[in-house]
Amino acid sequence: MPQQAIAAPVTVVTREDVVALLREAVAQTGGQRLWAESVGVSPSDVSSVLSGRRAAGRAILAALGITTVLVAKAS
């Protein structure tokens, strides 16, 4: 399997980190609905992530500047 070098530092974030980042972004924008509309996601999806009912999807993660990567464990 080919290996690629990582060009930039990587920070691993937890689900709790994502919620904290989302809370901060929502507060800076002035509310869940305003933030959701500004980034093109559903306000109900934002609410579900903030309440812990569901994990953030790709659109919310992208709006927060988070990229999802898959990492294979060495065997």
PDB file of N, CA and C in Angstrom:
ATOM      1  N   MET A   1       0.841  -1.164   0.000  1.00  0.00           N
ATOM      2  CA  MET A   1       0.000   0.000   0.000  1.00  0.00           C
ATOM      3  C   MET A   1       0.896   1.241   0.000  1.00  0.00           C
ATOM      4  N   PRO A   2       0.657   2.194  -0.901  1.00  0.00           N
ATOM      5  CA  PRO A   2       1.494   3.388  -0.955  1.00  0.00           C
ATOM      6  C   PRO A   2       1.275   4.268   0.272  1.00  0.00           C
ATOM      7  N   GLN A   3       2.357   4.873   0.729  1.00  0.00           N
ATOM      8  CA  GLN A   3       2.271   5.791   1.861  1.00  0.00           C
ATOM      9  C   GLN A   3       2.543   7.194   1.368  1.00  0.00           C
ATOM     10  N   GLN A   4       1.800   8.155   1.901  1.00  0.00           N
ATOM     11  CA  GLN A   4       1.986   9.545   1.523  1.00  0.00           C
ATOM     12  C   GLN A   4       2.385  10.338   2.747  1.00  0.00           C
ATOM     13  N   ALA A   5       3.279  11.255   2.565  1.00  0.00           N
ATOM     14  CA  ALA A   5       3.682  12.133   3.666  1.00  0.00           C
ATOM     15  C   ALA A   5       2.580  13.153   3.917  1.00  0.00           C
ATOM     16  N   ILE A   6       2.414  13.501   5.160  1.00  0.00           N
ATOM     17  CA  ILE A   6       1.440  14.520   5.540  1.00  0.00           C
ATOM     18  C   ILE A   6       2.143  15.869   5.485  1.00  0.00           C
ATOM     19  N   ALA A   7       1.575  16.794   4.727  1.00  0.00           N
ATOM     20  CA  ALA A   7       2.225  18.077   4.498  1.00  0.00           C
ATOM     21  C   ALA A   7       2.035  19.057   5.649  1.00  0.00           C
ATOM     22  N   ALA A   8       0.995  18.900   6.404  1.00  0.00           N
ATOM     23  CA  ALA A   8       0.706  19.843   7.483  1.00  0.00           C
ATOM     24  C   ALA A   8       0.502  19.076   8.787  1.00  0.00           C
ATOM     25  N   PRO A   9       0.678  19.754   9.911  1.00  0.00           N
ATOM     26  CA  PRO A   9       0.412  19.084  11.190  1.00  0.00           C
ATOM     27  C   PRO A   9      -1.036  18.592  11.252  1.00  0.00           C
ATOM     28  N   VAL A  10      -1.235  17.491  11.922  1.00  0.00           N
ATOM     29  CA  VAL A  10      -2.557  16.899  12.034  1.00  0.00           C
ATOM     30  C   VAL A  10      -2.994  16.952  13.495  1.00  0.00           C
ATOM     31  N   THR A  11      -4.232  17.332  13.718  1.00  0.00           N
ATOM     32  CA  THR A  11      -4.806  17.318  15.054  1.00  0.00           C
ATOM     33  C   THR A  11      -5.988  16.367  15.045  1.00  0.00           C
ATOM     34  N   VAL A  12      -5.968  15.410  15.932  1.00  0.00           N
ATOM     35  CA  VAL A  12      -7.086  14.477  16.056  1.00  0.00           C
ATOM     36  C   VAL A  12      -8.128  15.130  16.951  1.00  0.00           C
ATOM     37  N   VAL A  13      -9.376  15.133  16.490  1.00  0.00           N
ATOM     38  CA  VAL A  13     -10.453  15.715  17.290  1.00  0.00           C
ATOM     39  C   VAL A  13     -11.477  14.652  17.630  1.00  0.00           C
ATOM     40  N   THR A  14     -12.049  14.769  18.806  1.00  0.00           N
ATOM     41  CA  THR A  14     -13.092  13.854  19.255  1.00  0.00           C
ATOM     42  C   THR A  14     -14.457  14.425  18.912  1.00  0.00           C
ATOM     43  N   ARG A  15     -15.463  13.623  19.111  1.00  0.00           N
ATOM     44  CA  ARG A  15     -16.828  14.089  18.904  1.00  0.00           C
ATOM     45  C   ARG A  15     -17.116  15.279  19.822  1.00  0.00           C
ATOM     46  N   GLU A  16     -16.599  15.223  21.045  1.00  0.00           N
ATOM     47  CA  GLU A  16     -16.792  16.326  21.992  1.00  0.00           C
ATOM     48  C   GLU A  16     -16.107  17.591  21.501  1.00  0.00           C
ATOM     49  N   ASP A  17     -14.935  17.446  20.885  1.00  0.00           N
ATOM     50  CA  ASP A  17     -14.235  18.595  20.308  1.00  0.00           C
ATOM     51  C   ASP A  17     -15.066  19.234  19.203  1.00  0.00           C
ATOM     52  N   VAL A  18     -15.664  18.399  18.361  1.00  0.00           N
ATOM     53  CA  VAL A  18     -16.493  18.897  17.265  1.00  0.00           C
ATOM     54  C   VAL A  18     -17.673  19.689  17.826  1.00  0.00           C
ATOM     55  N   VAL A  19     -18.311  19.160  18.850  1.00  0.00           N
ATOM     56  CA  VAL A  19     -19.452  19.862  19.462  1.00  0.00           C
ATOM     57  C   VAL A  19     -19.000  21.205  20.035  1.00  0.00           C
ATOM     58  N   ALA A  20     -17.841  21.218  20.692  1.00  0.00           N
ATOM     59  CA  ALA A  20     -17.326  22.473  21.259  1.00  0.00           C
ATOM     60  C   ALA A  20     -17.033  23.489  20.155  1.00  0.00           C
ATOM     61  N   LEU A  21     -16.432  23.043  19.056  1.00  0.00           N
ATOM     62  CA  LEU A  21     -16.164  23.936  17.937  1.00  0.00           C
ATOM     63  C   LEU A  21     -17.451  24.452  17.321  1.00  0.00           C
ATOM     64  N   LEU A  22     -18.441  23.581  17.219  1.00  0.00           N
ATOM     65  CA  LEU A  22     -19.737  23.980  16.674  1.00  0.00           C
ATOM     66  C   LEU A  22     -20.414  24.988  17.590  1.00  0.00           C
ATOM     67  N   ARG A  23     -20.377  24.751  18.898  1.00  0.00           N
ATOM     68  CA  ARG A  23     -20.966  25.709  19.840  1.00  0.00           C
ATOM     69  C   ARG A  23     -20.328  27.084  19.699  1.00  0.00           C
ATOM     70  N   GLU A  24     -19.015  27.104  19.569  1.00  0.00           N
ATOM     71  CA  GLU A  24     -18.294  28.366  19.418  1.00  0.00           C
ATOM     72  C   GLU A  24     -18.694  29.079  18.123  1.00  0.00           C
ATOM     73  N   ALA A  25     -18.753  28.330  17.027  1.00  0.00           N
ATOM     74  CA  ALA A  25     -19.127  28.912  15.734  1.00  0.00           C
ATOM     75  C   ALA A  25     -20.548  29.454  15.766  1.00  0.00           C
ATOM     76  N   VAL A  26     -21.453  28.699  16.371  1.00  0.00           N
ATOM     77  CA  VAL A  26     -22.853  29.123  16.488  1.00  0.00           C
ATOM     78  C   VAL A  26     -22.949  30.407  17.316  1.00  0.00           C
ATOM     79  N   ALA A  27     -22.221  30.461  18.424  1.00  0.00           N
ATOM     80  CA  ALA A  27     -22.255  31.646  19.287  1.00  0.00           C
ATOM     81  C   ALA A  27     -21.713  32.868  18.552  1.00  0.00           C
ATOM     82  N   GLN A  28     -20.650  32.695  17.793  1.00  0.00           N
ATOM     83  CA  GLN A  28     -20.057  33.816  17.067  1.00  0.00           C
ATOM     84  C   GLN A  28     -20.970  34.334  15.964  1.00  0.00           C
ATOM     85  N   THR A  29     -21.777  33.440  15.415  1.00  0.00           N
ATOM     86  CA  THR A  29     -22.671  33.821  14.321  1.00  0.00           C
ATOM     87  C   THR A  29     -23.976  34.420  14.829  1.00  0.00           C
ATOM     88  N   GLY A  30     -24.365  34.077  16.045  1.00  0.00           N
ATOM     89  CA  GLY A  30     -25.593  34.632  16.587  1.00  0.00           C
ATOM     90  C   GLY A  30     -26.734  33.653  16.726  1.00  0.00           C
ATOM     91  N   GLY A  31     -26.459  32.365  16.579  1.00  0.00           N
ATOM     92  CA  GLY A  31     -27.511  31.365  16.785  1.00  0.00           C
ATOM     93  C   GLY A  31     -27.417  30.215  15.808  1.00  0.00           C
ATOM     94  N   GLN A  32     -28.090  29.139  16.175  1.00  0.00           N
ATOM     95  CA  GLN A  32     -28.043  27.919  15.370  1.00  0.00           C
ATOM     96  C   GLN A  32     -28.588  28.135  13.967  1.00  0.00           C
ATOM     97  N   ARG A  33     -29.743  28.777  13.881  1.00  0.00           N
ATOM     98  CA  ARG A  33     -30.373  28.961  12.567  1.00  0.00           C
ATOM     99  C   ARG A  33     -29.492  29.826  11.663  1.00  0.00           C
ATOM    100  N   LEU A  34     -28.966  30.914  12.200  1.00  0.00           N
ATOM    101  CA  LEU A  34     -28.115  31.795  11.396  1.00  0.00           C
ATOM    102  C   LEU A  34     -26.858  31.067  10.921  1.00  0.00           C
ATOM    103  N   TRP A  35     -26.232  30.306  11.817  1.00  0.00           N
ATOM    104  CA  TRP A  35     -25.036  29.580  11.426  1.00  0.00           C
ATOM    105  C   TRP A  35     -25.373  28.549  10.362  1.00  0.00           C
ATOM    106  N   ALA A  36     -26.438  27.798  10.588  1.00  0.00           N
ATOM    107  CA  ALA A  36     -26.838  26.758   9.634  1.00  0.00           C
ATOM    108  C   ALA A  36     -27.096  27.363   8.253  1.00  0.00           C
ATOM    109  N   GLU A  37     -27.838  28.460   8.212  1.00  0.00           N
ATOM    110  CA  GLU A  37     -28.143  29.101   6.934  1.00  0.00           C
ATOM    111  C   GLU A  37     -26.876  29.643   6.275  1.00  0.00           C
ATOM    112  N   SER A  38     -25.944  30.143   7.075  1.00  0.00           N
ATOM    113  CA  SER A  38     -24.724  30.733   6.508  1.00  0.00           C
ATOM    114  C   SER A  38     -23.805  29.692   5.872  1.00  0.00           C
ATOM    115  N   VAL A  39     -23.908  28.452   6.311  1.00  0.00           N
ATOM    116  CA  VAL A  39     -23.044  27.404   5.751  1.00  0.00           C
ATOM    117  C   VAL A  39     -23.814  26.387   4.910  1.00  0.00           C
ATOM    118  N   GLY A  40     -25.125  26.558   4.804  1.00  0.00           N
ATOM    119  CA  GLY A  40     -25.923  25.690   3.938  1.00  0.00           C
ATOM    120  C   GLY A  40     -26.264  24.328   4.498  1.00  0.00           C
ATOM    121  N   VAL A  41     -26.473  24.262   5.817  1.00  0.00           N
ATOM    122  CA  VAL A  41     -26.898  22.996   6.419  1.00  0.00           C
ATOM    123  C   VAL A  41     -28.238  23.209   7.116  1.00  0.00           C
ATOM    124  N   SER A  42     -28.873  22.134   7.473  1.00  0.00           N
ATOM    125  CA  SER A  42     -30.172  22.191   8.129  1.00  0.00           C
ATOM    126  C   SER A  42     -30.028  22.602   9.598  1.00  0.00           C
ATOM    127  N   PRO A  43     -30.839  23.561  10.038  1.00  0.00           N
ATOM    128  CA  PRO A  43     -30.819  23.920  11.458  1.00  0.00           C
ATOM    129  C   PRO A  43     -31.113  22.726  12.371  1.00  0.00           C
ATOM    130  N   SER A  44     -31.955  21.806  11.909  1.00  0.00           N
ATOM    131  CA  SER A  44     -32.259  20.636  12.732  1.00  0.00           C
ATOM    132  C   SER A  44     -31.043  19.719  12.854  1.00  0.00           C
ATOM    133  N   ASP A  45     -30.211  19.655  11.810  1.00  0.00           N
ATOM    134  CA  ASP A  45     -28.976  18.866  11.902  1.00  0.00           C
ATOM    135  C   ASP A  45     -28.023  19.485  12.923  1.00  0.00           C
ATOM    136  N   VAL A  46     -27.925  20.803  12.918  1.00  0.00           N
ATOM    137  CA  VAL A  46     -27.077  21.494  13.889  1.00  0.00           C
ATOM    138  C   VAL A  46     -27.566  21.206  15.302  1.00  0.00           C
ATOM    139  N   SER A  47     -28.863  21.307  15.505  1.00  0.00           N
ATOM    140  CA  SER A  47     -29.454  21.042  16.816  1.00  0.00           C
ATOM    141  C   SER A  47     -29.177  19.613  17.264  1.00  0.00           C
ATOM    142  N   SER A  48     -29.306  18.665  16.352  1.00  0.00           N
ATOM    143  CA  SER A  48     -29.072  17.255  16.684  1.00  0.00           C
ATOM    144  C   SER A  48     -27.629  16.993  17.089  1.00  0.00           C
ATOM    145  N   VAL A  49     -26.689  17.651  16.422  1.00  0.00           N
ATOM    146  CA  VAL A  49     -25.277  17.484  16.766  1.00  0.00           C
ATOM    147  C   VAL A  49     -25.006  18.111  18.129  1.00  0.00           C
ATOM    148  N   LEU A  50     -25.522  19.310  18.356  1.00  0.00           N
ATOM    149  CA  LEU A  50     -25.280  19.990  19.625  1.00  0.00           C
ATOM    150  C   LEU A  50     -25.882  19.248  20.814  1.00  0.00           C
ATOM    151  N   SER A  51     -26.990  18.562  20.590  1.00  0.00           N
ATOM    152  CA  SER A  51     -27.648  17.835  21.679  1.00  0.00           C
ATOM    153  C   SER A  51     -27.066  16.440  21.874  1.00  0.00           C
ATOM    154  N   GLY A  52     -26.201  16.014  20.953  1.00  0.00           N
ATOM    155  CA  GLY A  52     -25.601  14.686  21.066  1.00  0.00           C
ATOM    156  C   GLY A  52     -26.437  13.574  20.478  1.00  0.00           C
ATOM    157  N   ARG A  53     -27.532  13.909  19.804  1.00  0.00           N
ATOM    158  CA  ARG A  53     -28.376  12.879  19.200  1.00  0.00           C
ATOM    159  C   ARG A  53     -27.742  12.241  17.980  1.00  0.00           C
ATOM    160  N   ARG A  54     -26.826  12.967  17.323  1.00  0.00           N
ATOM    161  CA  ARG A  54     -26.162  12.411  16.147  1.00  0.00           C
ATOM    162  C   ARG A  54     -24.794  13.037  15.983  1.00  0.00           C
ATOM    163  N   ALA A  55     -23.952  12.359  15.249  1.00  0.00           N
ATOM    164  CA  ALA A  55     -22.614  12.876  14.951  1.00  0.00           C
ATOM    165  C   ALA A  55     -22.710  13.890  13.813  1.00  0.00           C
ATOM    166  N   ALA A  56     -21.765  14.795  13.763  1.00  0.00           N
ATOM    167  CA  ALA A  56     -21.733  15.787  12.687  1.00  0.00           C
ATOM    168  C   ALA A  56     -21.474  15.098  11.357  1.00  0.00           C
ATOM    169  N   GLY A  57     -22.208  15.509  10.353  1.00  0.00           N
ATOM    170  CA  GLY A  57     -22.010  14.986   9.008  1.00  0.00           C
ATOM    171  C   GLY A  57     -20.934  15.761   8.265  1.00  0.00           C
ATOM    172  N   ARG A  58     -20.690  15.351   7.041  1.00  0.00           N
ATOM    173  CA  ARG A  58     -19.620  15.960   6.239  1.00  0.00           C
ATOM    174  C   ARG A  58     -19.780  17.459   6.064  1.00  0.00           C
ATOM    175  N   ALA A  59     -20.991  17.929   5.823  1.00  0.00           N
ATOM    176  CA  ALA A  59     -21.193  19.353   5.570  1.00  0.00           C
ATOM    177  C   ALA A  59     -20.863  20.196   6.799  1.00  0.00           C
ATOM    178  N   ILE A  60     -21.285  19.739   7.967  1.00  0.00           N
ATOM    179  CA  ILE A  60     -20.982  20.474   9.197  1.00  0.00           C
ATOM    180  C   ILE A  60     -19.490  20.422   9.479  1.00  0.00           C
ATOM    181  N   LEU A  61     -18.886  19.253   9.328  1.00  0.00           N
ATOM    182  CA  LEU A  61     -17.449  19.135   9.545  1.00  0.00           C
ATOM    183  C   LEU A  61     -16.679  20.049   8.601  1.00  0.00           C
ATOM    184  N   ALA A  62     -17.061  20.067   7.343  1.00  0.00           N
ATOM    185  CA  ALA A  62     -16.383  20.922   6.364  1.00  0.00           C
ATOM    186  C   ALA A  62     -16.536  22.396   6.730  1.00  0.00           C
ATOM    187  N   ALA A  63     -17.724  22.782   7.178  1.00  0.00           N
ATOM    188  CA  ALA A  63     -17.953  24.173   7.561  1.00  0.00           C
ATOM    189  C   ALA A  63     -17.098  24.580   8.757  1.00  0.00           C
ATOM    190  N   LEU A  64     -16.744  23.608   9.585  1.00  0.00           N
ATOM    191  CA  LEU A  64     -15.891  23.863  10.744  1.00  0.00           C
ATOM    192  C   LEU A  64     -14.403  23.749  10.392  1.00  0.00           C
ATOM    193  N   GLY A  65     -14.117  23.390   9.149  1.00  0.00           N
ATOM    194  CA  GLY A  65     -12.732  23.249   8.720  1.00  0.00           C
ATOM    195  C   GLY A  65     -12.111  21.927   9.100  1.00  0.00           C
ATOM    196  N   ILE A  66     -12.956  20.924   9.308  1.00  0.00           N
ATOM    197  CA  ILE A  66     -12.482  19.603   9.711  1.00  0.00           C
ATOM    198  C   ILE A  66     -12.558  18.656   8.516  1.00  0.00           C
ATOM    199  N   THR A  67     -11.467  17.968   8.266  1.00  0.00           N
ATOM    200  CA  THR A  67     -11.405  16.982   7.201  1.00  0.00           C
ATOM    201  C   THR A  67     -11.365  15.598   7.830  1.00  0.00           C
ATOM    202  N   THR A  68     -12.164  14.704   7.315  1.00  0.00           N
ATOM    203  CA  THR A  68     -12.190  13.338   7.810  1.00  0.00           C
ATOM    204  C   THR A  68     -11.192  12.508   7.012  1.00  0.00           C
ATOM    205  N   VAL A  69     -10.392  11.733   7.719  1.00  0.00           N
ATOM    206  CA  VAL A  69      -9.454  10.830   7.059  1.00  0.00           C
ATOM    207  C   VAL A  69      -9.625   9.439   7.664  1.00  0.00           C
ATOM    208  N   LEU A  70      -9.284   8.448   6.894  1.00  0.00           N
ATOM    209  CA  LEU A  70      -9.301   7.077   7.360  1.00  0.00           C
ATOM    210  C   LEU A  70      -7.869   6.654   7.622  1.00  0.00           C
ATOM    211  N   VAL A  71      -7.663   5.990   8.719  1.00  0.00           N
ATOM    212  CA  VAL A  71      -6.329   5.546   9.100  1.00  0.00           C
ATOM    213  C   VAL A  71      -6.370   4.042   9.302  1.00  0.00           C
ATOM    214  N   ALA A  72      -5.475   3.337   8.649  1.00  0.00           N
ATOM    215  CA  ALA A  72      -5.406   1.888   8.800  1.00  0.00           C
ATOM    216  C   ALA A  72      -4.416   1.557   9.912  1.00  0.00           C
ATOM    217  N   LYS A  73      -4.798   0.625  10.748  1.00  0.00           N
ATOM    218  CA  LYS A  73      -3.891   0.158  11.801  1.00  0.00           C
ATOM    219  C   LYS A  73      -2.836  -0.731  11.182  1.00  0.00           C
ATOM    220  N   ALA A  74      -1.621  -0.624  11.687  1.00  0.00           N
ATOM    221  CA  ALA A  74      -0.562  -1.508  11.213  1.00  0.00           C
ATOM    222  C   ALA A  74      -0.859  -2.919  11.696  1.00  0.00           C
ATOM    223  N   SER A  75      -0.642  -3.883  10.833  1.00  0.00           N
ATOM    224  CA  SER A  75      -0.926  -5.258  11.245  1.00  0.00           C
ATOM    225  C   SER A  75       0.296  -5.983  11.702  1.00  0.00           C
TER     226      SER A  75
END
